[in-house]
PDB file of N, CA and C in Angstrom:
ATOM      1  N   MET A   1     153.628-102.958-235.599  1.00  0.00           N
ATOM      2  CA  MET A   1     153.956-104.181-234.926  1.00  0.00           C
ATOM      3  C   MET A   1     153.646-105.120-236.176  1.00  0.00           C
ATOM      4  N   GLN A   2     153.650-106.329-236.360  1.00  0.00           N
ATOM      5  CA  GLN A   2     153.499-107.291-237.440  1.00  0.00           C
ATOM      6  C   GLN A   2     152.264-107.888-236.825  1.00  0.00           C
ATOM      7  N   PRO A   3     151.222-108.241-238.222  1.00  0.00           N
ATOM      8  CA  PRO A   3     150.107-108.637-238.136  1.00  0.00           C
ATOM      9  C   PRO A   3     150.010-110.058-237.553  1.00  0.00           C
ATOM     10  N   ILE A   4     148.960-110.374-236.614  1.00  0.00           N
ATOM     11  CA  ILE A   4     149.225-111.294-236.018  1.00  0.00           C
ATOM     12  C   ILE A   4     148.555-112.723-237.379  1.00  0.00           C
ATOM     13  N   TYR A   5     148.208-112.143-238.719  1.00  0.00           N
ATOM     14  CA  TYR A   5     147.481-113.071-239.432  1.00  0.00           C
ATOM     15  C   TYR A   5     147.354-112.117-240.994  1.00  0.00           C
ATOM     16  N   ASP A   6     147.261-113.056-242.069  1.00  0.00           N
ATOM     17  CA  ASP A   6     147.746-112.814-242.989  1.00  0.00           C
ATOM     18  C   ASP A   6     146.263-111.398-243.576  1.00  0.00           C
ATOM     19  N   THR A   7     146.490-110.137-243.485  1.00  0.00           N
ATOM     20  CA  THR A   7     145.136-109.339-243.612  1.00  0.00           C
ATOM     21  C   THR A   7     144.849-108.982-245.262  1.00  0.00           C
ATOM     22  N   ASN A   8     145.759-109.712-246.046  1.00  0.00           N
ATOM     23  CA  ASN A   8     145.277-109.813-247.338  1.00  0.00           C
ATOM     24  C   ASN A   8     144.615-111.046-247.656  1.00  0.00           C
ATOM     25  N   ALA A   9     144.857-111.770-246.963  1.00  0.00           N
ATOM     26  CA  ALA A   9     143.970-113.064-247.402  1.00  0.00           C
ATOM     27  C   ALA A   9     142.546-112.597-248.247  1.00  0.00           C
ATOM     28  N   PRO A  10     142.050-114.017-249.084  1.00  0.00           N
ATOM     29  CA  PRO A  10     140.686-113.927-249.436  1.00  0.00           C
ATOM     30  C   PRO A  10     139.572-114.217-248.800  1.00  0.00           C
ATOM     31  N   LYS A  11     138.206-113.662-248.711  1.00  0.00           N
ATOM     32  CA  LYS A  11     137.404-114.307-247.683  1.00  0.00           C
ATOM     33  C   LYS A  11     136.846-115.156-248.175  1.00  0.00           C
ATOM     34  N   LYS A  12     136.448-115.644-247.069  1.00  0.00           N
ATOM     35  CA  LYS A  12     135.743-117.180-247.877  1.00  0.00           C
ATOM     36  C   LYS A  12     134.588-117.587-247.006  1.00  0.00           C
ATOM     37  N   PRO A  13     133.274-117.664-247.522  1.00  0.00           N
ATOM     38  CA  PRO A  13     132.508-117.932-246.982  1.00  0.00           C
ATOM     39  C   PRO A  13     132.364-119.551-245.987  1.00  0.00           C
ATOM     40  N   THR A  14     131.313-119.095-244.813  1.00  0.00           N
ATOM     41  CA  THR A  14     131.278-119.826-243.595  1.00  0.00           C
ATOM     42  C   THR A  14     129.903-119.762-242.947  1.00  0.00           C
ATOM     43  N   ASN A  15     129.724-120.864-242.791  1.00  0.00           N
ATOM     44  CA  ASN A  15     128.164-121.003-242.078  1.00  0.00           C
ATOM     45  C   ASN A  15     128.380-121.086-240.640  1.00  0.00           C
ATOM     46  N   LEU A  16     127.668-120.349-239.778  1.00  0.00           N
ATOM     47  CA  LEU A  16     127.421-120.163-238.408  1.00  0.00           C
ATOM     48  C   LEU A  16     126.137-120.508-237.605  1.00  0.00           C
ATOM     49  N   SER A  17     126.235-120.589-236.481  1.00  0.00           N
ATOM     50  CA  SER A  17     124.746-120.981-235.966  1.00  0.00           C
ATOM     51  C   SER A  17     125.131-120.006-234.563  1.00  0.00           C
ATOM     52  N   VAL A  18     123.722-119.176-234.746  1.00  0.00           N
ATOM     53  CA  VAL A  18     123.886-117.835-233.395  1.00  0.00           C
ATOM     54  C   VAL A  18     122.794-118.096-233.077  1.00  0.00           C
ATOM     55  N   ASN A  19     122.602-117.781-231.796  1.00  0.00           N
ATOM     56  CA  ASN A  19     121.416-117.809-231.198  1.00  0.00           C
ATOM     57  C   ASN A  19     120.517-116.285-231.753  1.00  0.00           C
ATOM     58  N   SER A  20     119.195-117.138-232.437  1.00  0.00           N
ATOM     59  CA  SER A  20     118.004-116.076-233.164  1.00  0.00           C
ATOM     60  C   SER A  20     118.115-114.952-232.611  1.00  0.00           C
ATOM     61  N   ASP A  21     118.143-114.536-231.805  1.00  0.00           N
ATOM     62  CA  ASP A  21     117.365-113.085-230.767  1.00  0.00           C
ATOM     63  C   ASP A  21     118.585-112.373-231.153  1.00  0.00           C
ATOM     64  N   LEU A  22     119.783-112.851-230.646  1.00  0.00           N
ATOM     65  CA  LEU A  22     121.212-111.734-230.819  1.00  0.00           C
ATOM     66  C   LEU A  22     121.040-111.835-232.439  1.00  0.00           C
ATOM     67  N   LEU A  23     120.712-112.326-233.002  1.00  0.00           N
ATOM     68  CA  LEU A  23     121.096-112.438-234.746  1.00  0.00           C
ATOM     69  C   LEU A  23     119.943-111.386-235.265  1.00  0.00           C
ATOM     70  N   GLN A  24     118.659-111.320-234.900  1.00  0.00           N
ATOM     71  CA  GLN A  24     117.533-110.819-235.124  1.00  0.00           C
ATOM     72  C   GLN A  24     118.302-108.902-234.526  1.00  0.00           C
ATOM     73  N   LYS A  25     118.521-109.003-233.477  1.00  0.00           N
ATOM     74  CA  LYS A  25     118.580-107.793-232.665  1.00  0.00           C
ATOM     75  C   LYS A  25     119.947-106.939-233.648  1.00  0.00           C
ATOM     76  N   SER A  26     120.619-107.436-233.746  1.00  0.00           N
ATOM     77  CA  SER A  26     121.950-107.312-234.666  1.00  0.00           C
ATOM     78  C   SER A  26     121.752-106.581-235.763  1.00  0.00           C
ATOM     79  N   ARG A  27     120.873-107.652-236.669  1.00  0.00           N
ATOM     80  CA  ARG A  27     120.207-106.869-237.917  1.00  0.00           C
ATOM     81  C   ARG A  27     119.674-105.656-237.853  1.00  0.00           C
ATOM     82  N   ALA A  28     118.790-105.869-237.322  1.00  0.00           N
ATOM     83  CA  ALA A  28     117.950-104.444-236.838  1.00  0.00           C
ATOM     84  C   ALA A  28     118.808-103.121-236.993  1.00  0.00           C
ATOM     85  N   LEU A  29     120.125-104.020-236.113  1.00  0.00           N
ATOM     86  CA  LEU A  29     120.591-102.474-235.426  1.00  0.00           C
ATOM     87  C   LEU A  29     122.009-102.017-236.871  1.00  0.00           C
ATOM     88  N   LYS A  30     121.536-103.089-237.984  1.00  0.00           N
ATOM     89  CA  LYS A  30     122.206-103.116-238.989  1.00  0.00           C
ATOM     90  C   LYS A  30     123.798-103.328-238.911  1.00  0.00           C
ATOM     91  N   ILE A  31     124.159-104.343-237.889  1.00  0.00           N
ATOM     92  CA  ILE A  31     124.976-104.486-237.161  1.00  0.00           C
ATOM     93  C   ILE A  31     126.425-105.321-238.650  1.00  0.00           C
ATOM     94  N   ASN A  32     127.208-105.034-238.926  1.00  0.00           N
ATOM     95  CA  ASN A  32     127.970-105.689-240.174  1.00  0.00           C
ATOM     96  C   ASN A  32     128.428-106.789-239.323  1.00  0.00           C
ATOM     97  N   LEU A  33     128.110-108.052-239.538  1.00  0.00           N
ATOM     98  CA  LEU A  33     128.411-109.583-239.175  1.00  0.00           C
ATOM     99  C   LEU A  33     129.663-109.893-239.551  1.00  0.00           C
ATOM    100  N   SER A  34     130.050-109.820-240.483  1.00  0.00           N
ATOM    101  CA  SER A  34     131.301-110.533-240.941  1.00  0.00           C
ATOM    102  C   SER A  34     132.551-109.729-240.134  1.00  0.00           C
ATOM    103  N   ALA A  35     132.193-108.008-240.407  1.00  0.00           N
ATOM    104  CA  ALA A  35     133.414-107.219-239.881  1.00  0.00           C
ATOM    105  C   ALA A  35     133.399-107.719-238.130  1.00  0.00           C
ATOM    106  N   THR A  36     132.377-107.394-237.497  1.00  0.00           N
ATOM    107  CA  THR A  36     131.952-107.721-236.327  1.00  0.00           C
ATOM    108  C   THR A  36     132.743-109.307-235.437  1.00  0.00           C
ATOM    109  N   LEU A  37     132.515-110.228-236.535  1.00  0.00           N
ATOM    110  CA  LEU A  37     133.082-111.321-236.066  1.00  0.00           C
ATOM    111  C   LEU A  37     134.272-111.262-236.167  1.00  0.00           C
ATOM    112  N   GLU A  38     135.233-110.792-237.824  1.00  0.00           N
ATOM    113  CA  GLU A  38     136.558-110.525-237.934  1.00  0.00           C
ATOM    114  C   GLU A  38     137.064-110.140-236.788  1.00  0.00           C
ATOM    115  N   GLU A  39     136.899-108.728-236.327  1.00  0.00           N
ATOM    116  CA  GLU A  39     137.092-108.226-235.085  1.00  0.00           C
ATOM    117  C   GLU A  39     137.491-108.780-233.987  1.00  0.00           C
ATOM    118  N   ALA A  40     135.979-109.364-233.729  1.00  0.00           N
ATOM    119  CA  ALA A  40     136.507-110.931-232.349  1.00  0.00           C
ATOM    120  C   ALA A  40     137.295-111.919-232.790  1.00  0.00           C
ATOM    121  N   LEU A  41     137.396-112.087-233.421  1.00  0.00           N
ATOM    122  CA  LEU A  41     138.354-113.030-233.977  1.00  0.00           C
ATOM    123  C   LEU A  41     139.853-112.718-233.433  1.00  0.00           C
ATOM    124  N   GLN A  42     140.004-111.515-233.925  1.00  0.00           N
ATOM    125  CA  GLN A  42     141.088-110.721-234.242  1.00  0.00           C
ATOM    126  C   GLN A  42     141.451-110.376-232.912  1.00  0.00           C
ATOM    127  N   GLU A  43     140.374-110.164-232.022  1.00  0.00           N
ATOM    128  CA  GLU A  43     141.099-110.091-230.610  1.00  0.00           C
ATOM    129  C   GLU A  43     141.382-111.300-229.763  1.00  0.00           C
ATOM    130  N   LYS A  44     140.709-112.366-229.948  1.00  0.00           N
ATOM    131  CA  LYS A  44     140.946-113.708-229.202  1.00  0.00           C
ATOM    132  C   LYS A  44     142.189-114.014-229.465  1.00  0.00           C
ATOM    133  N   LEU A  45     142.306-113.933-230.876  1.00  0.00           N
ATOM    134  CA  LEU A  45     143.669-114.347-231.445  1.00  0.00           C
ATOM    135  C   LEU A  45     145.019-113.867-231.129  1.00  0.00           C
ATOM    136  N   ALA A  46     145.053-112.159-230.841  1.00  0.00           N
ATOM    137  CA  ALA A  46     145.544-111.607-230.034  1.00  0.00           C
ATOM    138  C   ALA A  46     146.163-111.783-228.618  1.00  0.00           C
ATOM    139  N   ALA A  47     145.209-112.161-227.887  1.00  0.00           N
ATOM    140  CA  ALA A  47     145.202-112.874-226.453  1.00  0.00           C
ATOM    141  C   ALA A  47     145.476-113.952-226.285  1.00  0.00           C
ATOM    142  N   ALA A  48     145.728-114.900-227.619  1.00  0.00           N
ATOM    143  CA  ALA A  48     146.010-116.319-227.388  1.00  0.00           C
ATOM    144  C   ALA A  48     147.531-115.583-227.704  1.00  0.00           C
ATOM    145  N   GLU A  49     147.999-115.321-228.372  1.00  0.00           N
ATOM    146  CA  GLU A  49     149.188-115.053-228.765  1.00  0.00           C
ATOM    147  C   GLU A  49     149.962-114.051-227.731  1.00  0.00           C
ATOM    148  N   VAL A  50     149.405-113.798-227.061  1.00  0.00           N
ATOM    149  CA  VAL A  50     150.376-112.763-225.983  1.00  0.00           C
ATOM    150  C   VAL A  50     149.842-114.100-224.506  1.00  0.00           C
ATOM    151  N   ASP A  51     149.314-114.476-224.015  1.00  0.00           N
ATOM    152  CA  ASP A  51     149.237-115.528-223.398  1.00  0.00           C
ATOM    153  C   ASP A  51     150.335-116.847-223.775  1.00  0.00           C
ATOM    154  N   LYS A  52     150.576-116.792-225.046  1.00  0.00           N
ATOM    155  CA  LYS A  52     151.510-118.144-225.221  1.00  0.00           C
ATOM    156  C   LYS A  52     152.945-117.347-224.994  1.00  0.00           C
ATOM    157  N   TRP A  53     153.247-116.085-225.839  1.00  0.00           N
ATOM    158  CA  TRP A  53     154.365-115.851-225.521  1.00  0.00           C
ATOM    159  C   TRP A  53     154.939-115.348-224.083  1.00  0.00           C
ATOM    160  N   GLN A  54     154.130-115.154-223.118  1.00  0.00           N
ATOM    161  CA  GLN A  54     154.239-115.044-221.917  1.00  0.00           C
ATOM    162  C   GLN A  54     154.246-116.444-221.232  1.00  0.00           C
ATOM    163  N   ARG A  55     153.716-117.724-221.318  1.00  0.00           N
ATOM    164  CA  ARG A  55     153.694-119.051-220.826  1.00  0.00           C
ATOM    165  C   ARG A  55     155.779-119.210-221.510  1.00  0.00           C
ATOM    166  N   GLU A  56     155.822-119.373-223.074  1.00  0.00           N
ATOM    167  CA  GLU A  56     156.959-118.972-223.513  1.00  0.00           C
ATOM    168  C   GLU A  56     158.526-118.665-222.696  1.00  0.00           C
ATOM    169  N   ASN A  57     157.868-117.256-222.278  1.00  0.00           N
ATOM    170  CA  ASN A  57     159.011-116.268-221.514  1.00  0.00           C
ATOM    171  C   ASN A  57     159.347-116.315-220.155  1.00  0.00           C
ATOM    172  N   GLN A  58     158.135-117.274-219.557  1.00  0.00           N
ATOM    173  CA  GLN A  58     158.177-117.140-218.090  1.00  0.00           C
ATOM    174  C   GLN A  58     159.276-117.250-217.362  1.00  0.00           C
ATOM    175  N   ASN A  59     160.274-117.820-217.548  1.00  0.00           N
ATOM    176  CA  ASN A  59     161.485-118.372-216.688  1.00  0.00           C
ATOM    177  C   ASN A  59     162.084-117.128-216.730  1.00  0.00           C
ATOM    178  N   ALA A  60     162.906-116.673-218.177  1.00  0.00           N
ATOM    179  CA  ALA A  60     162.986-115.541-218.343  1.00  0.00           C
ATOM    180  C   ALA A  60     162.688-114.271-217.681  1.00  0.00           C
ATOM    181  N   ILE A  61     161.383-113.839-217.977  1.00  0.00           N
ATOM    182  CA  ILE A  61     160.747-112.761-217.086  1.00  0.00           C
ATOM    183  C   ILE A  61     161.321-112.773-215.351  1.00  0.00           C
ATOM    184  N   GLN A  62     160.574-113.937-214.784  1.00  0.00           N
ATOM    185  CA  GLN A  62     160.966-114.996-213.769  1.00  0.00           C
ATOM    186  C   GLN A  62     162.547-114.100-213.260  1.00  0.00           C
ATOM    187  N   THR A  63     163.013-114.539-214.183  1.00  0.00           N
ATOM    188  CA  THR A  63     164.855-114.666-213.652  1.00  0.00           C
ATOM    189  C   THR A  63     165.204-112.898-213.782  1.00  0.00           C
ATOM    190  N   HIS A  64     164.549-112.457-214.432  1.00  0.00           N
ATOM    191  CA  HIS A  64     164.654-110.961-214.836  1.00  0.00           C
ATOM    192  C   HIS A  64     164.017-110.185-213.402  1.00  0.00           C
ATOM    193  N   ASN A  65     163.160-110.459-213.155  1.00  0.00           N
ATOM    194  CA  ASN A  65     162.241-110.087-212.317  1.00  0.00           C
ATOM    195  C   ASN A  65     163.077-110.428-210.653  1.00  0.00           C
ATOM    196  N   ASP A  66     163.476-111.514-210.182  1.00  0.00           N
ATOM    197  CA  ASP A  66     164.343-111.962-209.535  1.00  0.00           C
ATOM    198  C   ASP A  66     165.933-111.482-209.453  1.00  0.00           C
ATOM    199  N   PHE A  67     166.019-110.606-210.773  1.00  0.00           N
ATOM    200  CA  PHE A  67     167.663-110.005-210.606  1.00  0.00           C
ATOM    201  C   PHE A  67     167.659-108.519-210.316  1.00  0.00           C
ATOM    202  N   VAL A  68     166.392-107.869-210.611  1.00  0.00           N
ATOM    203  CA  VAL A  68     166.065-106.117-210.486  1.00  0.00           C
ATOM    204  C   VAL A  68     165.359-106.349-208.824  1.00  0.00           C
ATOM    205  N   GLU A  69     164.718-107.570-208.043  1.00  0.00           N
ATOM    206  CA  GLU A  69     164.373-107.260-206.622  1.00  0.00           C
ATOM    207  C   GLU A  69     165.555-107.547-205.709  1.00  0.00           C
ATOM    208  N   GLU A  70     166.892-108.104-206.410  1.00  0.00           N
ATOM    209  CA  GLU A  70     167.992-108.403-205.580  1.00  0.00           C
ATOM    210  C   GLU A  70     168.519-107.517-205.665  1.00  0.00           C
ATOM    211  N   HIS A  71     168.877-107.045-207.169  1.00  0.00           N
ATOM    212  CA  HIS A  71     169.795-105.930-207.456  1.00  0.00           C
ATOM    213  C   HIS A  71     169.422-104.283-207.679  1.00  0.00           C
ATOM    214  N   GLY A  72     168.295-104.641-207.743  1.00  0.00           N
ATOM    215  CA  GLY A  72     167.423-102.915-208.295  1.00  0.00           C
ATOM    216  C   GLY A  72     167.701-102.733-209.790  1.00  0.00           C
ATOM    217  N   CYS A  73     167.184-101.791-210.250  1.00  0.00           N
ATOM    218  CA  CYS A  73     167.023-101.363-211.954  1.00  0.00           C
ATOM    219  C   CYS A  73     168.284-100.481-211.835  1.00  0.00           C
ATOM    220  N   PHE A  74     169.566-100.707-213.271  1.00  0.00           N
ATOM    221  CA  PHE A  74     170.212-100.497-213.742  1.00  0.00           C
ATOM    222  C   PHE A  74     170.265 -98.956-213.275  1.00  0.00           C
ATOM    223  N   SER A  75     169.345 -98.581-213.441  1.00  0.00           N
ATOM    224  CA  SER A  75     169.182 -96.819-213.939  1.00  0.00           C
ATOM    225  C   SER A  75     168.596 -96.333-212.428  1.00  0.00           C
ATOM    226  N   ASP A  76     168.247 -97.180-211.446  1.00  0.00           N
ATOM    227  CA  ASP A  76     168.399 -96.584-210.245  1.00  0.00           C
ATOM    228  C   ASP A  76     169.625 -95.187-209.742  1.00  0.00           C
ATOM    229  N   ASP A  77     170.576 -95.417-209.650  1.00  0.00           N
ATOM    230  CA  ASP A  77     172.273 -94.699-209.242  1.00  0.00           C
ATOM    231  C   ASP A  77     171.492 -93.181-210.133  1.00  0.00           C
ATOM    232  N   PHE A  78     170.967 -93.105-211.526  1.00  0.00           N
ATOM    233  CA  PHE A  78     170.889 -91.962-211.947  1.00  0.00           C
ATOM    234  C   PHE A  78     170.004 -91.360-211.886  1.00  0.00           C
ATOM    235  N   ARG A  79     168.346 -92.005-211.764  1.00  0.00           N
ATOM    236  CA  ARG A  79     167.281 -91.509-211.533  1.00  0.00           C
ATOM    237  C   ARG A  79     167.214 -90.167-210.695  1.00  0.00           C
ATOM    238  N   GLU A  80     166.679 -88.990-211.002  1.00  0.00           N
ATOM    239  CA  GLU A  80     166.275 -87.829-209.991  1.00  0.00           C
ATOM    240  C   GLU A  80     164.748 -87.506-210.114  1.00  0.00           C
ATOM    241  N   PHE A  81     163.959 -88.592-210.343  1.00  0.00           N
ATOM    242  CA  PHE A  81     162.625 -88.301-209.493  1.00  0.00           C
ATOM    243  C   PHE A  81     162.299 -89.202-208.189  1.00  0.00           C
TER     244      PHE A  81
END
């Protein structure tokens, strides 16, 4: 699968505002904030890409589903289970 962003792009310092208690507890557990943020952003980006693809292909998906509902799946005659 092709990455949804350039994983080799250089890191860039960024200022963020974070709930102070959340930050304190995360640091106490030695959670890597940068890595955690990158993972969360990657998940959000992937979910957004899926949503975009589904919206863009909604008509084709519905047409296919309608066809299968009316005519069945092409392999229905060959299945033995």
